[in-house]
Amino acid sequence: MNDTPNIADDRVSRRRYLRERAARHEAEQLLEGKSRELFLANQQLSDYSAHLEEAVAKRTVELEQALAQAEAAGKAKSRFIATMSHEIRTPLGGILGMIDLLSMDETDPAKQELLKYAATAGLGLSRIVNDVLDFSKMEAGVFIFEEGHVDLRALIESVRTLTNASEISANREIKVDIDDSVPQILLGDATRLRQVISNLINNAVRFSTEGAILIRATSAPHEKGALLRVEVEDFGIGISECGIKNLFKDFSQIANPLTAAAKGTGLGLAICKRILEGCGGKVGVESQLGKGSTFWFELPVEIGTEPESNTAPSMAQEGLANILETKRVLIAEDNIVNQKLLLSYAKSMNMVPQLAKNGRIALEMFDPGAFDLVLMDVAMPEMDGLEATRRIRMKWGDVSMPPILALTAHVMEAVEEEAALVGITTILSKPIPFEELKAALQHALADAGSNAIADIAVPEAVSPSANPADVLSKMAPATLTELLSIVSEEMLLDLVQE
């Protein structure tokens, strides 16, 4: 009787033992399964990691190759633009130069008229070439903005004078109203500002047949210094709302009765838009069909300090007018047409020219005491002009050097930095008219000889009764040079007097 509870207890203990052993076995199997799953997961993760590293490395190589290809493509575009600029502008410069030479000697009015038409057509082609090259530079990302002191009043006045000198606007009135709020000196890119304002004024003239052209400029406070606003208003055909939407697109022209007569590439306003946006500004238009249009742009600018003005001799004075007489000039140029052109120009200025057909010959011929001026073409065989200039300065060291001016048909930005490194501060762009070259040489010699001819500030106001020659003498040299590149000194005096 006493053994019965023990047997029952043994049975309970055995069942518990069997259950625990089964549970332990099940746990071991589960743990083994999980461990295997973890092992396989880790193995798979290692495989993924290896593949990921391989994929990242492969992708990195692909991206590096793509970047290298993009950089190479960018450089190729830059070289293409520079080459096209040179190859187009060189013969164009020869054509315009020869027309210029013929015009200087021709006395027959009928032939003078034909030459004038030829020169007008050539200048039109030059503008189209410049538009296309500017657009290409923007597309290639090599369009460079510079910053310098800008006298907006002088800049607008120079554009107005040049526009009035053209046949299409000979009988049009162009009024300028610049508010007193506009600072006398701004910091910006004078060349690009002139390009934008000139384009807007030329469009206003071309797309209207009568009425005045109004140019207004105002300024408002801005965190950068001032917010400049320039408006150009015409009373022409106007633009529809649909036309305004496409107005600033590339190669876009608005269909109207004057479009065929105005012609053009349809790039002018697109380039203006890119220039202003590149400088942090914006451009727009307000127009009523049949009543006229007002094109405007706003541009944040820094306010510059007005440079000290110096009293300079009048253009009519003998000092500047005859400064080139009998001066010896070394002309380094490889193109036969440009050789003939520059030699003829120099002789017409009563200078004594000598020709070097490339940079190597120029280096051999040069002596500081043998020449008063050097005109150095940039692109030449055997040795280019920049390398020749560098070697000249290395050879002669600190010896007083005559002014060396560079001539180039390349994109200006492409050579400016290299030119500055070899000590060239004046770069003349081909095609270069006679009067522009003459003015540049005069100022180079005057600056080299003394400080008598210095940067000249344009006065805030000029009396209507002032002597025209005195007015011109107070213009900034850059402005005066640009004006003389388009018209003769005599014609410019007449325009100022009017």
Foldseek 3Di string as FASTA:
>chain_A
DVCVVVVVVVVVVVVVVVVVVVVVVVVVVVVVVVVVVVVVVVVVVVVVVVVVVVVVVVVVVVVVVVVVVLVVVLVVLQVVLQVVLFVVQVVLLLQLLVLLVCLVPDDDPVVNVVSVVSNVVSVVVVVQSVLVSLVSCVVSVNDDWDKDKDQVVLLVVLLVLLVCPDPLCVPAAEEEEEDPQDFRIWITRSVLVSLLSSLLQLVLSQQADHDHKYWYWHWDQDPQGIKIKIKIKHFGQWDDPVLQVCQQPAQDDDDDPRDVVSDHRSRSSVSNQVVQVVQVKGKGKDIDGNGIIMIMIIGDTHHDDDDDADQADFPPDPCLLLVQAQFEEEEEAQDPSVVVSVVSLSVVSNYHYDYHNALVSCLVPDDQVPGQEYEAEQDHPPDGRLRSLQVNCVVVPPPQHHQYEYEYSGDPVVCCVSNVVSPHDHYHYPSFRSQLVSLVVSVSSVVSVDCNDDFARQDPDDDLPDQLRSNLSRRGSVSSSVSCRNDPPVVSSVSSND
